[in-house]
Amino acid sequence: MSTCLVTGGAGFLGSHLCDELLRRSHRVICVDNLETGSLANIEHIRTDQFVHRSLDIIEPYYVEEPIDFVYHLASPASPIDYLRLPLHTLKVGSYGTHHTLGLAKRHRARFLTASTSEVYGDPKIHPQPESYWGHVNPIGPRGVYDEAKRYAEALTMAYHRQQGVDTAIVRIFNTYGPRMRPHDGRAIPTFLRQALQDRPITVFGNGAQTRSFCYVDDLIRGIIALAESGYHDPVNVGNPKEFTLLELAETVIEVTGSRSEIVFEALPTDDPQVRQPDIGLAQEILGWEPVVELRDGLERTIEHSGRQALVGFAR
């Protein structure tokens, strides 16, 4: 039985990762100070193989028991959060990654850091391969998140090259599923919340900008496959099927049977116009690709979340 430490384990992605690791008979140590995570995401876990520790990883922290894998997912990730917590976001990407890499080094554990498609910024190559270096505005309002993740990648590779830490980097593209926070500012939870209340669905710009949406179960499979692969360079994990935000809004209306109308609002600063992963590397080295189609994933999200949770009435 392997022991896995998951930072950010009470968050949306982190809690699903904890579930799947436990399902695979691993022991899981969840580290989360609940700044953006929630105990509600892990309250269903009832096993001695799981423990939650409330620690702030921007300060040095220690785990005494042996650890085999470190999954570093902790970070404010939604625009609502990193615009509210800009300095904390930068500190998690820098100090938090440094402390967690140091822990992995002490335990000789395999370390995986969760990076993001945002490292590509507003890309000039489409779809985005891992070899693309990106087009990021470092001083814009989104820069605190983009640059925190870019720095975390650089730090991870430095620990690998100089300190010999066994590392991996996953670049996560837009992901959705149960346990999304309805008010986190991202497209799918926002559209679902609005549609389920028959309220206007707000689309930024003219809705022509594109995203690629990966269901959370597919993403978690990819993350674990990468952690267990021995591969060190960044790997895109996401769904390459591209949709405009207008198409997404229309699909959400159809799936929910909503009477909502679509309204348009001003485009946020530095909002990327395209986002689509090239997953050729993940297919080659991991044998991974997503299997859940958007419509099916939306239906699963509604079924497993429940209407109240998606519209924000639940705790």
C-alpha atoms as a PDB file:
ATOM      1  CA  MET A   1       0.000   0.000   0.000  1.00  0.00           C
ATOM      2  CA  SER A   2       1.423   3.388  -1.019  1.00  0.00           C
ATOM      3  CA  THR A   3       0.966   6.534   1.050  1.00  0.00           C
ATOM      4  CA  CYS A   4      -0.006   9.625  -0.940  1.00  0.00           C
ATOM      5  CA  LEU A   5       0.065  13.204   0.297  1.00  0.00           C
ATOM      6  CA  VAL A   6      -2.386  15.510  -1.487  1.00  0.00           C
ATOM      7  CA  THR A   7      -2.063  19.250  -0.929  1.00  0.00           C
ATOM      8  CA  GLY A   8      -5.326  21.043  -1.615  1.00  0.00           C
ATOM      9  CA  GLY A   9      -7.049  17.729  -0.956  1.00  0.00           C
ATOM     10  CA  ALA A  10     -10.303  19.346   0.215  1.00  0.00           C
ATOM     11  CA  GLY A  11     -10.714  21.306  -3.008  1.00  0.00           C
ATOM     12  CA  PHE A  12     -12.698  20.392  -6.105  1.00  0.00           C
ATOM     13  CA  LEU A  13      -9.964  18.442  -7.899  1.00  0.00           C
ATOM     14  CA  GLY A  14      -8.100  17.421  -4.756  1.00  0.00           C
ATOM     15  CA  SER A  15     -11.110  15.735  -3.170  1.00  0.00           C
ATOM     16  CA  HIS A  16     -11.800  13.712  -6.317  1.00  0.00           C
ATOM     17  CA  LEU A  17      -8.138  12.703  -6.398  1.00  0.00           C
ATOM     18  CA  CYS A  18      -8.327  11.585  -2.748  1.00  0.00           C
ATOM     19  CA  ASP A  19     -11.418   9.504  -3.563  1.00  0.00           C
ATOM     20  CA  GLU A  20      -9.744   7.744  -6.473  1.00  0.00           C
ATOM     21  CA  LEU A  21      -6.490   7.081  -4.599  1.00  0.00           C
ATOM     22  CA  LEU A  22      -8.464   5.526  -1.737  1.00  0.00           C
ATOM     23  CA  ARG A  23     -10.476   3.482  -4.229  1.00  0.00           C
ATOM     24  CA  ARG A  24      -7.144   2.149  -5.504  1.00  0.00           C
ATOM     25  CA  SER A  25      -6.216   1.086  -1.935  1.00  0.00           C
ATOM     26  CA  HIS A  26      -3.691   3.855  -1.226  1.00  0.00           C
ATOM     27  CA  ARG A  27      -3.409   5.622   2.109  1.00  0.00           C
ATOM     28  CA  VAL A  28      -4.071   9.368   1.743  1.00  0.00           C
ATOM     29  CA  ILE A  29      -2.895  12.338   3.780  1.00  0.00           C
ATOM     30  CA  CYS A  30      -4.924  15.394   2.799  1.00  0.00           C
ATOM     31  CA  VAL A  31      -3.303  18.761   3.551  1.00  0.00           C
ATOM     32  CA  ASP A  32      -5.627  21.739   3.212  1.00  0.00           C
ATOM     33  CA  ASN A  33      -6.073  24.933   5.229  1.00  0.00           C
ATOM     34  CA  LEU A  34      -9.583  25.357   3.726  1.00  0.00           C
ATOM     35  CA  GLU A  35      -8.821  28.797   2.288  1.00  0.00           C
ATOM     36  CA  THR A  36     -10.658  27.765  -0.876  1.00  0.00           C
ATOM     37  CA  GLY A  37     -11.337  24.090  -0.113  1.00  0.00           C
ATOM     38  CA  SER A  38     -14.202  22.788   2.012  1.00  0.00           C
ATOM     39  CA  LEU A  39     -14.730  20.065   4.580  1.00  0.00           C
ATOM     40  CA  ALA A  40     -17.979  19.318   2.739  1.00  0.00           C
ATOM     41  CA  ASN A  41     -15.868  17.872  -0.110  1.00  0.00           C
ATOM     42  CA  ILE A  42     -14.302  15.223   2.129  1.00  0.00           C
ATOM     43  CA  GLU A  43     -16.912  14.660   4.845  1.00  0.00           C
ATOM     44  CA  HIS A  44     -18.147  11.530   3.065  1.00  0.00           C
ATOM     45  CA  ILE A  45     -14.776   9.788   3.506  1.00  0.00           C
ATOM     46  CA  ARG A  46     -14.992   7.336   6.396  1.00  0.00           C
ATOM     47  CA  THR A  47     -11.858   5.216   6.513  1.00  0.00           C
ATOM     48  CA  ASP A  48      -8.747   4.893   8.659  1.00  0.00           C
ATOM     49  CA  GLN A  49      -6.705   5.140   5.459  1.00  0.00           C
ATOM     50  CA  PHE A  50      -7.514   8.869   5.187  1.00  0.00           C
ATOM     51  CA  VAL A  51      -6.470  11.778   7.369  1.00  0.00           C
ATOM     52  CA  HIS A  52      -6.946  15.523   6.922  1.00  0.00           C
ATOM     53  CA  ARG A  53      -4.374  17.950   8.300  1.00  0.00           C
ATOM     54  CA  SER A  54      -5.118  21.663   8.429  1.00  0.00           C
ATOM     55  CA  LEU A  55      -1.775  23.173   7.432  1.00  0.00           C
ATOM     56  CA  ASP A  56      -0.801  26.318   5.534  1.00  0.00           C
ATOM     57  CA  ILE A  57       1.876  25.171   3.110  1.00  0.00           C
ATOM     58  CA  ILE A  58       3.348  28.633   2.634  1.00  0.00           C
ATOM     59  CA  GLU A  59       5.022  27.934   6.001  1.00  0.00           C
ATOM     60  CA  PRO A  60       7.437  24.999   6.467  1.00  0.00           C
ATOM     61  CA  TYR A  61       5.562  21.831   7.395  1.00  0.00           C
ATOM     62  CA  TYR A  62       6.503  18.247   8.109  1.00  0.00           C
ATOM     63  CA  VAL A  63       4.976  14.792   7.841  1.00  0.00           C
ATOM     64  CA  GLU A  64       6.646  12.084   9.900  1.00  0.00           C
ATOM     65  CA  GLU A  65       5.252   8.917   8.361  1.00  0.00           C
ATOM     66  CA  PRO A  66       6.804   7.639   5.111  1.00  0.00           C
ATOM     67  CA  ILE A  67       5.307   9.062   1.890  1.00  0.00           C
ATOM     68  CA  ASP A  68       5.538   7.486  -1.559  1.00  0.00           C
ATOM     69  CA  PHE A  69       3.729  10.075  -3.726  1.00  0.00           C
ATOM     70  CA  VAL A  70       3.143  13.808  -3.332  1.00  0.00           C
ATOM     71  CA  TYR A  71       0.348  15.373  -5.376  1.00  0.00           C
ATOM     72  CA  HIS A  72       0.738  19.149  -5.096  1.00  0.00           C
ATOM     73  CA  LEU A  73      -2.657  20.599  -6.042  1.00  0.00           C
ATOM     74  CA  ALA A  74      -2.924  23.415  -3.503  1.00  0.00           C
ATOM     75  CA  SER A  75      -3.591  26.853  -5.018  1.00  0.00           C
ATOM     76  CA  PRO A  76      -6.384  29.345  -5.470  1.00  0.00           C
ATOM     77  CA  ALA A  77      -7.482  28.416  -8.991  1.00  0.00           C
ATOM     78  CA  SER A  78     -10.587  30.377  -9.942  1.00  0.00           C
ATOM     79  CA  PRO A  79     -10.554  34.056 -10.989  1.00  0.00           C
ATOM     80  CA  ILE A  80     -12.719  34.898  -7.974  1.00  0.00           C
ATOM     81  CA  ASP A  81     -10.091  33.437  -5.645  1.00  0.00           C
ATOM     82  CA  TYR A  82      -6.806  34.573  -7.134  1.00  0.00           C
ATOM     83  CA  LEU A  83      -8.083  38.106  -7.729  1.00  0.00           C
ATOM     84  CA  ARG A  84      -9.168  38.184  -4.062  1.00  0.00           C
ATOM     85  CA  LEU A  85      -5.949  36.552  -2.839  1.00  0.00           C
ATOM     86  CA  PRO A  86      -3.195  37.735  -5.191  1.00  0.00           C
ATOM     87  CA  LEU A  87      -0.296  37.628  -2.730  1.00  0.00           C
ATOM     88  CA  HIS A  88      -1.401  34.334  -1.224  1.00  0.00           C
ATOM     89  CA  THR A  89      -1.638  32.836  -4.716  1.00  0.00           C
ATOM     90  CA  LEU A  90       1.941  33.860  -5.457  1.00  0.00           C
ATOM     91  CA  LYS A  91       3.130  32.531  -2.095  1.00  0.00           C
ATOM     92  CA  VAL A  92       1.458  29.157  -2.618  1.00  0.00           C
ATOM     93  CA  GLY A  93       3.133  28.857  -6.018  1.00  0.00           C
ATOM     94  CA  SER A  94       6.535  29.818  -4.626  1.00  0.00           C
ATOM     95  CA  TYR A  95       6.936  29.086  -0.891  1.00  0.00           C
ATOM     96  CA  GLY A  96       4.260  26.381  -0.924  1.00  0.00           C
ATOM     97  CA  THR A  97       5.839  24.555  -3.851  1.00  0.00           C
ATOM     98  CA  HIS A  98       9.315  24.915  -2.332  1.00  0.00           C
ATOM     99  CA  HIS A  99       8.242  23.486   1.030  1.00  0.00           C
ATOM    100  CA  THR A 100       6.317  20.636  -0.599  1.00  0.00           C
ATOM    101  CA  LEU A 101       9.208  19.752  -2.904  1.00  0.00           C
ATOM    102  CA  GLY A 102      11.470  19.721   0.151  1.00  0.00           C
ATOM    103  CA  LEU A 103       9.103  17.287   1.843  1.00  0.00           C
ATOM    104  CA  ALA A 104       9.124  15.047  -1.240  1.00  0.00           C
ATOM    105  CA  LYS A 105      12.927  15.163  -1.268  1.00  0.00           C
ATOM    106  CA  ARG A 106      13.161  14.116   2.396  1.00  0.00           C
ATOM    107  CA  HIS A 107      10.838  11.185   1.801  1.00  0.00           C
ATOM    108  CA  ARG A 108      12.303  10.310  -1.614  1.00  0.00           C
ATOM    109  CA  ALA A 109       8.757  10.464  -2.920  1.00  0.00           C
ATOM    110  CA  ARG A 110       7.531  10.933  -6.468  1.00  0.00           C
ATOM    111  CA  PHE A 111       6.349  14.570  -6.693  1.00  0.00           C
ATOM    112  CA  LEU A 112       3.662  15.791  -9.096  1.00  0.00           C
ATOM    113  CA  THR A 113       2.754  19.456  -9.331  1.00  0.00           C
ATOM    114  CA  ALA A 114      -0.567  20.554 -10.796  1.00  0.00           C
ATOM    115  CA  SER A 115       0.170  23.287 -13.301  1.00  0.00           C
ATOM    116  CA  THR A 116      -2.368  24.812 -15.653  1.00  0.00           C
ATOM    117  CA  SER A 117      -3.164  25.660 -19.228  1.00  0.00           C
ATOM    118  CA  GLU A 118      -2.921  29.277 -18.069  1.00  0.00           C
ATOM    119  CA  VAL A 119       0.873  29.028 -18.418  1.00  0.00           C
ATOM    120  CA  TYR A 120       0.212  29.423 -22.164  1.00  0.00           C
ATOM    121  CA  GLY A 121      -1.539  32.768 -21.592  1.00  0.00           C
ATOM    122  CA  ASP A 122      -3.392  33.973 -24.705  1.00  0.00           C
ATOM    123  CA  PRO A 123      -1.704  31.468 -27.009  1.00  0.00           C
ATOM    124  CA  LYS A 124      -0.439  32.152 -30.509  1.00  0.00           C
ATOM    125  CA  ILE A 125      -0.223  28.431 -31.299  1.00  0.00           C
ATOM    126  CA  HIS A 126      -3.398  26.388 -31.528  1.00  0.00           C
ATOM    127  CA  PRO A 127      -3.849  23.756 -30.150  1.00  0.00           C
ATOM    128  CA  GLN A 128      -1.212  24.191 -27.476  1.00  0.00           C
ATOM    129  CA  PRO A 129       1.627  21.629 -27.310  1.00  0.00           C
ATOM    130  CA  GLU A 130       3.877  21.284 -24.267  1.00  0.00           C
ATOM    131  CA  SER A 131       6.773  22.702 -26.305  1.00  0.00           C
ATOM    132  CA  TYR A 132       5.009  26.091 -26.606  1.00  0.00           C
ATOM    133  CA  TRP A 133       6.403  28.665 -24.151  1.00  0.00           C
ATOM    134  CA  GLY A 134       3.313  30.800 -23.941  1.00  0.00           C
ATOM    135  CA  HIS A 135       2.228  34.418 -24.265  1.00  0.00           C
ATOM    136  CA  VAL A 136       1.519  35.667 -20.733  1.00  0.00           C
ATOM    137  CA  ASN A 137       1.018  39.177 -19.352  1.00  0.00           C
ATOM    138  CA  PRO A 138       3.036  39.026 -16.089  1.00  0.00           C
ATOM    139  CA  ILE A 139       1.647  42.288 -14.677  1.00  0.00           C
ATOM    140  CA  GLY A 140      -2.031  41.902 -15.563  1.00  0.00           C
ATOM    141  CA  PRO A 141      -4.632  40.893 -12.955  1.00  0.00           C
ATOM    142  CA  ARG A 142      -4.426  37.236 -14.026  1.00  0.00           C
ATOM    143  CA  GLY A 143      -0.626  37.298 -13.820  1.00  0.00           C
ATOM    144  CA  VAL A 144      -0.561  36.306 -10.153  1.00  0.00           C
ATOM    145  CA  TYR A 145      -1.976  32.896 -11.044  1.00  0.00           C
ATOM    146  CA  ASP A 146      -0.247  32.436 -14.410  1.00  0.00           C
ATOM    147  CA  GLU A 147       3.187  33.367 -13.095  1.00  0.00           C
ATOM    148  CA  ALA A 148       2.773  31.438  -9.840  1.00  0.00           C
ATOM    149  CA  LYS A 149       2.247  28.290 -11.891  1.00  0.00           C
ATOM    150  CA  ARG A 150       5.072  29.089 -14.299  1.00  0.00           C
ATOM    151  CA  TYR A 151       7.405  29.635 -11.345  1.00  0.00           C
ATOM    152  CA  ALA A 152       6.232  26.374  -9.750  1.00  0.00           C
ATOM    153  CA  GLU A 153       7.129  24.548 -12.960  1.00  0.00           C
ATOM    154  CA  ALA A 154      10.607  26.124 -13.009  1.00  0.00           C
ATOM    155  CA  LEU A 155      11.129  25.274  -9.331  1.00  0.00           C
ATOM    156  CA  THR A 156      10.004  21.711  -9.875  1.00  0.00           C
ATOM    157  CA  MET A 157      12.464  21.193 -12.713  1.00  0.00           C
ATOM    158  CA  ALA A 158      15.267  22.807 -10.661  1.00  0.00           C
ATOM    159  CA  TYR A 159      14.667  20.338  -7.828  1.00  0.00           C
ATOM    160  CA  HIS A 160      14.681  17.522 -10.360  1.00  0.00           C
ATOM    161  CA  ARG A 161      17.888  18.586 -12.085  1.00  0.00           C
ATOM    162  CA  GLN A 162      19.920  19.737  -9.071  1.00  0.00           C
ATOM    163  CA  GLN A 163      18.472  17.775  -6.153  1.00  0.00           C
ATOM    164  CA  GLY A 164      17.482  14.600  -7.975  1.00  0.00           C
ATOM    165  CA  VAL A 165      13.825  14.723  -6.903  1.00  0.00           C
ATOM    166  CA  ASP A 166      11.575  12.432  -8.950  1.00  0.00           C
ATOM    167  CA  THR A 167       9.138  15.006 -10.359  1.00  0.00           C
ATOM    168  CA  ALA A 168       6.235  15.365 -12.783  1.00  0.00           C
ATOM    169  CA  ILE A 169       4.267  18.346 -14.113  1.00  0.00           C
ATOM    170  CA  VAL A 170       0.665  18.105 -15.289  1.00  0.00           C
ATOM    171  CA  ARG A 171      -0.811  21.042 -17.191  1.00  0.00           C
ATOM    172  CA  ILE A 172      -4.515  20.915 -16.445  1.00  0.00           C
ATOM    173  CA  PHE A 173      -7.052  22.321 -18.881  1.00  0.00           C
ATOM    174  CA  ASN A 174     -10.606  23.409 -18.008  1.00  0.00           C
ATOM    175  CA  THR A 175     -12.176  20.730 -15.819  1.00  0.00           C
ATOM    176  CA  TYR A 176     -15.698  20.375 -14.446  1.00  0.00           C
ATOM    177  CA  GLY A 177     -17.829  17.993 -12.422  1.00  0.00           C
ATOM    178  CA  PRO A 178     -19.477  17.537  -9.025  1.00  0.00           C
ATOM    179  CA  ARG A 179     -18.174  19.691  -6.125  1.00  0.00           C
ATOM    180  CA  MET A 180     -17.509  22.754  -8.259  1.00  0.00           C
ATOM    181  CA  ARG A 181     -18.379  25.874  -6.278  1.00  0.00           C
ATOM    182  CA  PRO A 182     -21.356  27.579  -7.927  1.00  0.00           C
ATOM    183  CA  HIS A 183     -19.917  31.063  -7.413  1.00  0.00           C
ATOM    184  CA  ASP A 184     -16.274  30.459  -8.338  1.00  0.00           C
ATOM    185  CA  GLY A 185     -16.517  32.562 -11.492  1.00  0.00           C
ATOM    186  CA  ARG A 186     -15.739  29.879 -14.073  1.00  0.00           C
ATOM    187  CA  ALA A 187     -17.961  29.199 -17.059  1.00  0.00           C
ATOM    188  CA  ILE A 188     -19.589  25.837 -16.347  1.00  0.00           C
ATOM    189  CA  PRO A 189     -20.570  26.363 -12.695  1.00  0.00           C
ATOM    190  CA  THR A 190     -21.769  29.869 -13.531  1.00  0.00           C
ATOM    191  CA  PHE A 191     -23.832  28.738 -16.531  1.00  0.00           C
ATOM    192  CA  LEU A 192     -25.336  25.797 -14.625  1.00  0.00           C
ATOM    193  CA  ARG A 193     -26.237  27.977 -11.650  1.00  0.00           C
ATOM    194  CA  GLN A 194     -27.913  30.552 -13.877  1.00  0.00           C
ATOM    195  CA  ALA A 195     -29.696  27.987 -16.063  1.00  0.00           C
ATOM    196  CA  LEU A 196     -31.087  26.004 -13.137  1.00  0.00           C
ATOM    197  CA  GLN A 197     -32.666  29.210 -11.840  1.00  0.00           C
ATOM    198  CA  ASP A 198     -33.919  30.283 -15.299  1.00  0.00           C
ATOM    199  CA  ARG A 199     -31.822  33.427 -14.965  1.00  0.00           C
ATOM    200  CA  PRO A 200     -29.939  35.093 -17.840  1.00  0.00           C
ATOM    201  CA  ILE A 201     -26.743  33.278 -18.765  1.00  0.00           C
ATOM    202  CA  THR A 202     -23.876  35.770 -18.925  1.00  0.00           C
ATOM    203  CA  VAL A 203     -21.402  35.218 -21.746  1.00  0.00           C
ATOM    204  CA  PHE A 204     -18.329  37.435 -21.894  1.00  0.00           C
ATOM    205  CA  GLY A 205     -17.480  39.169 -25.168  1.00  0.00           C
ATOM    206  CA  ASN A 206     -19.358  37.791 -28.157  1.00  0.00           C
ATOM    207  CA  GLY A 207     -18.986  34.195 -26.968  1.00  0.00           C
ATOM    208  CA  ALA A 208     -16.654  33.234 -29.814  1.00  0.00           C
ATOM    209  CA  GLN A 209     -13.694  32.533 -27.530  1.00  0.00           C
ATOM    210  CA  THR A 210     -13.095  28.799 -27.119  1.00  0.00           C
ATOM    211  CA  ARG A 211     -12.445  26.381 -24.273  1.00  0.00           C
ATOM    212  CA  SER A 212     -11.981  22.618 -24.002  1.00  0.00           C
ATOM    213  CA  PHE A 213     -13.838  21.008 -21.104  1.00  0.00           C
ATOM    214  CA  CYS A 214     -12.638  17.805 -19.404  1.00  0.00           C
ATOM    215  CA  TYR A 215     -14.845  15.830 -17.015  1.00  0.00           C
ATOM    216  CA  VAL A 216     -13.197  15.408 -13.622  1.00  0.00           C
ATOM    217  CA  ASP A 217     -13.073  11.585 -13.688  1.00  0.00           C
ATOM    218  CA  ASP A 218     -11.074  11.682 -16.932  1.00  0.00           C
ATOM    219  CA  LEU A 219      -8.691  14.264 -15.514  1.00  0.00           C
ATOM    220  CA  ILE A 220      -8.007  12.311 -12.326  1.00  0.00           C
ATOM    221  CA  ARG A 221      -7.183   9.193 -14.366  1.00  0.00           C
ATOM    222  CA  GLY A 222      -4.652  11.236 -16.299  1.00  0.00           C
ATOM    223  CA  ILE A 223      -3.063  12.759 -13.198  1.00  0.00           C
ATOM    224  CA  ILE A 224      -2.548   9.384 -11.537  1.00  0.00           C
ATOM    225  CA  ALA A 225      -1.240   7.835 -14.747  1.00  0.00           C
ATOM    226  CA  LEU A 226       1.353  10.605 -15.004  1.00  0.00           C
ATOM    227  CA  ALA A 227       2.368  10.278 -11.358  1.00  0.00           C
ATOM    228  CA  GLU A 228       2.933   6.561 -11.865  1.00  0.00           C
ATOM    229  CA  SER A 229       4.726   6.935 -15.212  1.00  0.00           C
ATOM    230  CA  GLY A 230       8.209   8.110 -14.267  1.00  0.00           C
ATOM    231  CA  TYR A 231       7.991  10.908 -16.881  1.00  0.00           C
ATOM    232  CA  HIS A 232       9.431  14.314 -15.859  1.00  0.00           C
ATOM    233  CA  ASP A 233       8.578  16.980 -18.446  1.00  0.00           C
ATOM    234  CA  PRO A 234       5.196  18.796 -18.569  1.00  0.00           C
ATOM    235  CA  VAL A 235       2.214  16.892 -19.960  1.00  0.00           C
ATOM    236  CA  ASN A 236      -1.113  18.385 -21.069  1.00  0.00           C
ATOM    237  CA  VAL A 237      -4.156  16.656 -19.599  1.00  0.00           C
ATOM    238  CA  GLY A 238      -7.485  17.907 -20.885  1.00  0.00           C
ATOM    239  CA  ASN A 239     -10.175  17.301 -23.467  1.00  0.00           C
ATOM    240  CA  PRO A 240      -9.133  18.413 -26.976  1.00  0.00           C
ATOM    241  CA  LYS A 241     -12.734  18.871 -28.163  1.00  0.00           C
ATOM    242  CA  GLU A 242     -13.175  22.615 -28.472  1.00  0.00           C
ATOM    243  CA  PHE A 243     -16.356  24.627 -27.875  1.00  0.00           C
ATOM    244  CA  THR A 244     -17.107  28.317 -28.048  1.00  0.00           C
ATOM    245  CA  LEU A 245     -18.543  29.743 -24.850  1.00  0.00           C
ATOM    246  CA  LEU A 246     -21.719  30.494 -26.777  1.00  0.00           C
ATOM    247  CA  GLU A 247     -21.972  26.804 -27.747  1.00  0.00           C
ATOM    248  CA  LEU A 248     -21.408  25.869 -24.115  1.00  0.00           C
ATOM    249  CA  ALA A 249     -24.197  28.195 -22.965  1.00  0.00           C
ATOM    250  CA  GLU A 250     -26.575  26.729 -25.528  1.00  0.00           C
ATOM    251  CA  THR A 251     -25.681  23.167 -24.478  1.00  0.00           C
ATOM    252  CA  VAL A 252     -26.250  23.973 -20.810  1.00  0.00           C
ATOM    253  CA  ILE A 253     -29.697  25.384 -21.649  1.00  0.00           C
ATOM    254  CA  GLU A 254     -30.574  22.212 -23.581  1.00  0.00           C
ATOM    255  CA  VAL A 255     -29.316  19.823 -20.882  1.00  0.00           C
ATOM    256  CA  THR A 256     -31.093  21.637 -18.048  1.00  0.00           C
ATOM    257  CA  GLY A 257     -34.272  22.412 -19.981  1.00  0.00           C
ATOM    258  CA  SER A 258     -33.850  26.001 -18.870  1.00  0.00           C
ATOM    259  CA  ARG A 259     -35.844  29.021 -20.007  1.00  0.00           C
ATOM    260  CA  SER A 260     -32.769  31.237 -19.622  1.00  0.00           C
ATOM    261  CA  GLU A 261     -31.792  33.806 -22.213  1.00  0.00           C
ATOM    262  CA  ILE A 262     -28.175  34.484 -23.152  1.00  0.00           C
ATOM    263  CA  VAL A 263     -26.817  37.957 -22.438  1.00  0.00           C
ATOM    264  CA  PHE A 264     -23.391  39.358 -23.267  1.00  0.00           C
ATOM    265  CA  GLU A 265     -21.010  41.265 -20.995  1.00  0.00           C
ATOM    266  CA  ALA A 266     -17.624  42.941 -21.403  1.00  0.00           C
ATOM    267  CA  LEU A 267     -14.640  40.639 -21.849  1.00  0.00           C
ATOM    268  CA  PRO A 268     -12.345  40.469 -18.763  1.00  0.00           C
ATOM    269  CA  THR A 269      -8.755  41.699 -19.019  1.00  0.00           C
ATOM    270  CA  ASP A 270      -6.356  39.169 -20.595  1.00  0.00           C
ATOM    271  CA  ASP A 271      -9.129  36.619 -21.140  1.00  0.00           C
ATOM    272  CA  PRO A 272      -7.635  34.069 -23.590  1.00  0.00           C
ATOM    273  CA  GLN A 273      -9.356  33.774 -26.959  1.00  0.00           C
ATOM    274  CA  VAL A 274      -8.551  30.098 -27.503  1.00  0.00           C
ATOM    275  CA  ARG A 275      -7.764  27.175 -25.231  1.00  0.00           C
ATOM    276  CA  GLN A 276      -7.287  23.663 -26.595  1.00  0.00           C
ATOM    277  CA  PRO A 277      -4.764  21.036 -25.502  1.00  0.00           C
ATOM    278  CA  ASP A 278      -2.595  18.996 -27.793  1.00  0.00           C
ATOM    279  CA  ILE A 279      -2.786  15.663 -25.940  1.00  0.00           C
ATOM    280  CA  GLY A 280      -0.535  13.685 -28.273  1.00  0.00           C
ATOM    281  CA  LEU A 281       2.101  13.311 -25.548  1.00  0.00           C
ATOM    282  CA  ALA A 282      -0.414  12.045 -22.973  1.00  0.00           C
ATOM    283  CA  GLN A 283      -1.689   9.523 -25.514  1.00  0.00           C
ATOM    284  CA  GLU A 284       1.844   8.379 -26.311  1.00  0.00           C
ATOM    285  CA  ILE A 285       3.409   8.064 -22.861  1.00  0.00           C
ATOM    286  CA  LEU A 286       0.333   7.450 -20.683  1.00  0.00           C
ATOM    287  CA  GLY A 287      -2.065   5.735 -23.058  1.00  0.00           C
ATOM    288  CA  TRP A 288      -4.571   8.317 -21.807  1.00  0.00           C
ATOM    289  CA  GLU A 289      -7.372  10.214 -23.466  1.00  0.00           C
ATOM    290  CA  PRO A 290     -10.728  11.508 -22.187  1.00  0.00           C
ATOM    291  CA  VAL A 291     -13.854   9.428 -22.765  1.00  0.00           C
ATOM    292  CA  VAL A 292     -16.695  11.538 -21.289  1.00  0.00           C
ATOM    293  CA  GLU A 293     -18.467  13.801 -23.797  1.00  0.00           C
ATOM    294  CA  LEU A 294     -19.552  17.295 -22.716  1.00  0.00           C
ATOM    295  CA  ARG A 295     -23.289  16.626 -22.679  1.00  0.00           C
ATOM    296  CA  ASP A 296     -22.827  13.404 -20.705  1.00  0.00           C
ATOM    297  CA  GLY A 297     -20.477  15.151 -18.283  1.00  0.00           C
ATOM    298  CA  LEU A 298     -22.944  17.968 -17.674  1.00  0.00           C
ATOM    299  CA  GLU A 299     -25.717  15.456 -16.992  1.00  0.00           C
ATOM    300  CA  ARG A 300     -23.464  13.567 -14.551  1.00  0.00           C
ATOM    301  CA  THR A 301     -22.570  16.823 -12.828  1.00  0.00           C
ATOM    302  CA  ILE A 302     -26.208  17.728 -12.306  1.00  0.00           C
ATOM    303  CA  GLU A 303     -27.118  14.199 -11.190  1.00  0.00           C
ATOM    304  CA  HIS A 304     -24.282  13.792  -8.683  1.00  0.00           C
ATOM    305  CA  SER A 305     -24.300  17.357  -7.367  1.00  0.00           C
ATOM    306  CA  GLY A 306     -28.008  18.005  -6.961  1.00  0.00           C
ATOM    307  CA  ARG A 307     -29.824  21.191  -7.905  1.00  0.00           C
ATOM    308  CA  GLN A 308     -29.378  22.900  -4.530  1.00  0.00           C
ATOM    309  CA  ALA A 309     -25.601  22.518  -4.520  1.00  0.00           C
ATOM    310  CA  LEU A 310     -25.292  23.838  -8.064  1.00  0.00           C
ATOM    311  CA  VAL A 311     -27.376  26.951  -7.430  1.00  0.00           C
ATOM    312  CA  GLY A 312     -25.534  27.689  -4.187  1.00  0.00           C
ATOM    313  CA  PHE A 313     -28.180  26.962  -1.580  1.00  0.00           C
ATOM    314  CA  ALA A 314     -26.275  24.083  -0.045  1.00  0.00           C
ATOM    315  CA  ARG A 315     -23.580  24.752   2.530  1.00  0.00           C
END
